[in-house]
Amino acid sequence: MFYNIHDELLFVGKARKLRQRIKKHFEDTVSPIKHHRDEVYKIEVCVVDDPMERDIYETYIINTQHSKYNIDKAFFK
């Protein structure tokens, strides 16, 4: 979970290989946060082993904390 300096949730993602995925978010040209990398102040990690539970938890966090840049899984307006 990527947060800004005001502790607002910017983006939630999931990965099997965390180090590679975070690195990709800061180097890749197609990352969902590519235009907002300068906003990231803090990264939090939550470990969920089961793949289905991981998907459910990701969607839950996106929608309860109103993630700013996860638009594909956001059900709030």
N, C-alpha and C. Protein backbone atom coordinates (compact mmCIF):
# COMPACT_ATOMS: atom_id res chain seq x y z
N MET A 1 0.85 -1.17 0.00
CA MET A 1 0.00 0.00 0.00
C MET A 1 0.90 1.24 0.00
N PHE A 2 0.66 2.11 -0.92
CA PHE A 2 1.44 3.33 -1.06
C PHE A 2 0.65 4.50 -0.47
N TYR A 3 1.28 5.27 0.40
CA TYR A 3 0.65 6.41 1.05
C TYR A 3 1.42 7.69 0.75
N ASN A 4 0.71 8.82 0.80
CA ASN A 4 1.39 10.11 0.66
C ASN A 4 1.76 10.65 2.03
N ILE A 5 2.32 11.84 2.07
CA ILE A 5 2.80 12.44 3.32
C ILE A 5 1.66 12.74 4.29
N HIS A 6 0.43 12.87 3.76
CA HIS A 6 -0.74 13.15 4.59
C HIS A 6 -1.45 11.86 5.01
N ASP A 7 -0.81 10.73 4.80
CA ASP A 7 -1.32 9.40 5.15
C ASP A 7 -2.58 9.02 4.37
N GLU A 8 -2.73 9.56 3.17
CA GLU A 8 -3.84 9.19 2.29
C GLU A 8 -3.37 8.02 1.42
N LEU A 9 -4.23 7.04 1.25
CA LEU A 9 -3.89 5.87 0.45
C LEU A 9 -3.90 6.24 -1.03
N LEU A 10 -2.76 6.02 -1.68
CA LEU A 10 -2.65 6.33 -3.10
C LEU A 10 -2.93 5.11 -3.98
N PHE A 11 -2.35 3.97 -3.62
CA PHE A 11 -2.44 2.80 -4.48
C PHE A 11 -2.26 1.52 -3.67
N VAL A 12 -3.02 0.50 -4.02
CA VAL A 12 -2.91 -0.82 -3.41
C VAL A 12 -2.55 -1.80 -4.51
N GLY A 13 -1.56 -2.63 -4.25
CA GLY A 13 -1.19 -3.63 -5.23
C GLY A 13 -0.85 -4.93 -4.53
N LYS A 14 -0.76 -5.97 -5.34
CA LYS A 14 -0.37 -7.26 -4.76
C LYS A 14 0.74 -7.85 -5.61
N ALA A 15 1.56 -8.69 -4.97
CA ALA A 15 2.71 -9.26 -5.67
C ALA A 15 3.16 -10.54 -4.99
N ARG A 16 3.70 -11.44 -5.77
CA ARG A 16 4.33 -12.62 -5.20
C ARG A 16 5.76 -12.31 -4.83
N LYS A 17 6.42 -11.50 -5.64
CA LYS A 17 7.81 -11.09 -5.38
C LYS A 17 7.80 -9.59 -5.12
N LEU A 18 7.73 -9.25 -3.86
CA LEU A 18 7.50 -7.87 -3.43
C LEU A 18 8.59 -6.91 -3.90
N ARG A 19 9.84 -7.27 -3.71
CA ARG A 19 10.95 -6.37 -4.07
C ARG A 19 10.89 -6.00 -5.56
N GLN A 20 10.68 -6.99 -6.42
CA GLN A 20 10.61 -6.73 -7.86
C GLN A 20 9.42 -5.86 -8.22
N ARG A 21 8.28 -6.11 -7.57
CA ARG A 21 7.07 -5.36 -7.88
C ARG A 21 7.19 -3.89 -7.47
N ILE A 22 7.72 -3.64 -6.30
CA ILE A 22 7.89 -2.25 -5.86
C ILE A 22 8.88 -1.53 -6.76
N LYS A 23 9.97 -2.21 -7.09
CA LYS A 23 10.96 -1.62 -7.99
C LYS A 23 10.32 -1.27 -9.34
N LYS A 24 9.47 -2.16 -9.83
CA LYS A 24 8.81 -1.93 -11.11
C LYS A 24 7.91 -0.70 -11.07
N HIS A 25 7.23 -0.49 -9.94
CA HIS A 25 6.36 0.68 -9.81
C HIS A 25 7.16 1.99 -9.93
N PHE A 26 8.39 1.98 -9.51
CA PHE A 26 9.20 3.20 -9.56
C PHE A 26 10.04 3.34 -10.82
N GLU A 27 10.13 2.30 -11.62
CA GLU A 27 10.94 2.37 -12.84
C GLU A 27 10.14 2.20 -14.12
N ASP A 28 9.02 1.51 -14.05
CA ASP A 28 8.26 1.13 -15.24
C ASP A 28 7.50 2.32 -15.81
N THR A 29 7.32 2.31 -17.11
CA THR A 29 6.58 3.40 -17.77
C THR A 29 5.08 3.12 -17.84
N VAL A 30 4.65 1.92 -17.48
CA VAL A 30 3.22 1.59 -17.53
C VAL A 30 2.61 1.40 -16.14
N SER A 31 3.35 1.70 -15.10
CA SER A 31 2.85 1.57 -13.74
C SER A 31 1.65 2.51 -13.53
N PRO A 32 0.63 2.05 -12.80
CA PRO A 32 -0.53 2.92 -12.53
C PRO A 32 -0.16 4.19 -11.76
N ILE A 33 0.96 4.19 -11.08
CA ILE A 33 1.35 5.38 -10.32
C ILE A 33 2.52 6.13 -10.97
N LYS A 34 2.76 5.87 -12.25
CA LYS A 34 3.93 6.47 -12.91
C LYS A 34 3.96 8.00 -12.85
N HIS A 35 2.81 8.64 -12.87
CA HIS A 35 2.77 10.11 -12.82
C HIS A 35 2.69 10.64 -11.38
N HIS A 36 2.64 9.73 -10.42
CA HIS A 36 2.43 10.13 -9.04
C HIS A 36 3.51 9.59 -8.11
N ARG A 37 4.62 9.16 -8.65
CA ARG A 37 5.70 8.58 -7.85
C ARG A 37 6.24 9.54 -6.80
N ASP A 38 6.25 10.81 -7.12
CA ASP A 38 6.76 11.81 -6.18
C ASP A 38 5.87 11.96 -4.94
N GLU A 39 4.62 11.52 -5.06
CA GLU A 39 3.68 11.62 -3.93
C GLU A 39 3.94 10.55 -2.87
N VAL A 40 4.54 9.43 -3.27
CA VAL A 40 4.71 8.30 -2.35
C VAL A 40 5.68 8.66 -1.23
N TYR A 41 5.18 8.54 -0.01
CA TYR A 41 5.97 8.87 1.17
C TYR A 41 6.22 7.63 2.02
N LYS A 42 5.25 6.72 2.01
CA LYS A 42 5.33 5.53 2.87
C LYS A 42 4.75 4.33 2.13
N ILE A 43 5.36 3.17 2.36
CA ILE A 43 4.86 1.92 1.79
C ILE A 43 4.61 0.96 2.95
N GLU A 44 3.40 0.39 2.99
CA GLU A 44 3.06 -0.61 4.00
C GLU A 44 2.83 -1.95 3.31
N VAL A 45 3.17 -3.03 4.02
CA VAL A 45 3.03 -4.37 3.48
C VAL A 45 2.14 -5.20 4.40
N CYS A 46 1.25 -5.95 3.81
CA CYS A 46 0.40 -6.89 4.53
C CYS A 46 0.54 -8.24 3.82
N VAL A 47 0.91 -9.26 4.55
CA VAL A 47 1.13 -10.58 3.95
C VAL A 47 -0.14 -11.41 4.07
N VAL A 48 -0.65 -11.85 2.90
CA VAL A 48 -1.81 -12.74 2.83
C VAL A 48 -1.40 -13.89 1.93
N ASP A 49 -1.38 -15.10 2.48
CA ASP A 49 -0.85 -16.25 1.75
C ASP A 49 -1.78 -16.79 0.66
N ASP A 50 -3.05 -16.87 0.93
CA ASP A 50 -4.00 -17.46 -0.01
C ASP A 50 -4.30 -16.49 -1.16
N PRO A 51 -4.14 -16.92 -2.43
CA PRO A 51 -4.37 -16.01 -3.57
C PRO A 51 -5.78 -15.43 -3.63
N MET A 52 -6.81 -16.22 -3.32
CA MET A 52 -8.17 -15.71 -3.37
C MET A 52 -8.40 -14.69 -2.25
N GLU A 53 -7.90 -14.97 -1.07
CA GLU A 53 -8.02 -14.02 0.03
C GLU A 53 -7.26 -12.74 -0.27
N ARG A 54 -6.13 -12.86 -0.98
CA ARG A 54 -5.34 -11.69 -1.37
C ARG A 54 -6.14 -10.77 -2.28
N ASP A 55 -6.84 -11.36 -3.27
CA ASP A 55 -7.68 -10.56 -4.17
C ASP A 55 -8.82 -9.88 -3.41
N ILE A 56 -9.45 -10.63 -2.51
CA ILE A 56 -10.55 -10.08 -1.73
C ILE A 56 -10.06 -8.94 -0.83
N TYR A 57 -8.94 -9.15 -0.18
CA TYR A 57 -8.39 -8.13 0.73
C TYR A 57 -7.98 -6.87 -0.04
N GLU A 58 -7.37 -7.06 -1.20
CA GLU A 58 -6.98 -5.91 -2.02
C GLU A 58 -8.20 -5.07 -2.38
N THR A 59 -9.25 -5.72 -2.86
CA THR A 59 -10.48 -5.01 -3.23
C THR A 59 -11.12 -4.35 -2.01
N TYR A 60 -11.10 -5.03 -0.88
CA TYR A 60 -11.65 -4.48 0.36
C TYR A 60 -10.91 -3.20 0.78
N ILE A 61 -9.58 -3.25 0.77
CA ILE A 61 -8.78 -2.08 1.16
C ILE A 61 -9.01 -0.92 0.19
N ILE A 62 -9.03 -1.21 -1.09
CA ILE A 62 -9.25 -0.16 -2.10
C ILE A 62 -10.57 0.56 -1.84
N ASN A 63 -11.60 -0.19 -1.51
CA ASN A 63 -12.93 0.40 -1.38
C ASN A 63 -13.25 0.95 0.01
N THR A 64 -12.61 0.45 1.05
CA THR A 64 -12.88 1.01 2.38
C THR A 64 -12.02 2.22 2.67
N GLN A 65 -10.80 2.24 2.12
CA GLN A 65 -9.91 3.37 2.36
C GLN A 65 -9.87 4.34 1.18
N HIS A 66 -10.66 4.06 0.15
CA HIS A 66 -10.79 4.92 -1.02
C HIS A 66 -9.45 5.27 -1.66
N SER A 67 -8.78 4.24 -2.13
CA SER A 67 -7.50 4.39 -2.80
C SER A 67 -7.64 5.35 -3.99
N LYS A 68 -6.72 6.27 -4.09
CA LYS A 68 -6.80 7.34 -5.07
C LYS A 68 -6.56 6.87 -6.52
N TYR A 69 -5.66 5.93 -6.73
CA TYR A 69 -5.29 5.55 -8.09
C TYR A 69 -5.64 4.13 -8.50
N ASN A 70 -6.40 3.41 -7.70
CA ASN A 70 -6.92 2.10 -8.10
C ASN A 70 -8.33 2.29 -8.65
N ILE A 71 -8.43 2.57 -9.93
CA ILE A 71 -9.75 2.85 -10.48
C ILE A 71 -10.43 1.60 -11.03
N ASP A 72 -9.67 0.56 -11.34
CA ASP A 72 -10.28 -0.63 -11.92
C ASP A 72 -11.02 -1.50 -10.91
N LYS A 73 -10.70 -1.39 -9.63
CA LYS A 73 -11.37 -2.20 -8.61
C LYS A 73 -12.16 -1.33 -7.63
N ALA A 74 -12.36 -0.08 -7.95
CA ALA A 74 -13.06 0.82 -7.04
C ALA A 74 -14.55 0.79 -7.33
N PHE A 75 -15.33 0.54 -6.28
CA PHE A 75 -16.78 0.51 -6.42
C PHE A 75 -17.44 1.73 -5.80
N PHE A 76 -16.64 2.63 -5.23
CA PHE A 76 -17.16 3.85 -4.65
C PHE A 76 -17.08 4.97 -5.68
N LYS A 77 -17.82 6.00 -5.48
CA LYS A 77 -17.78 7.17 -6.38
C LYS A 77 -17.52 8.40 -5.57
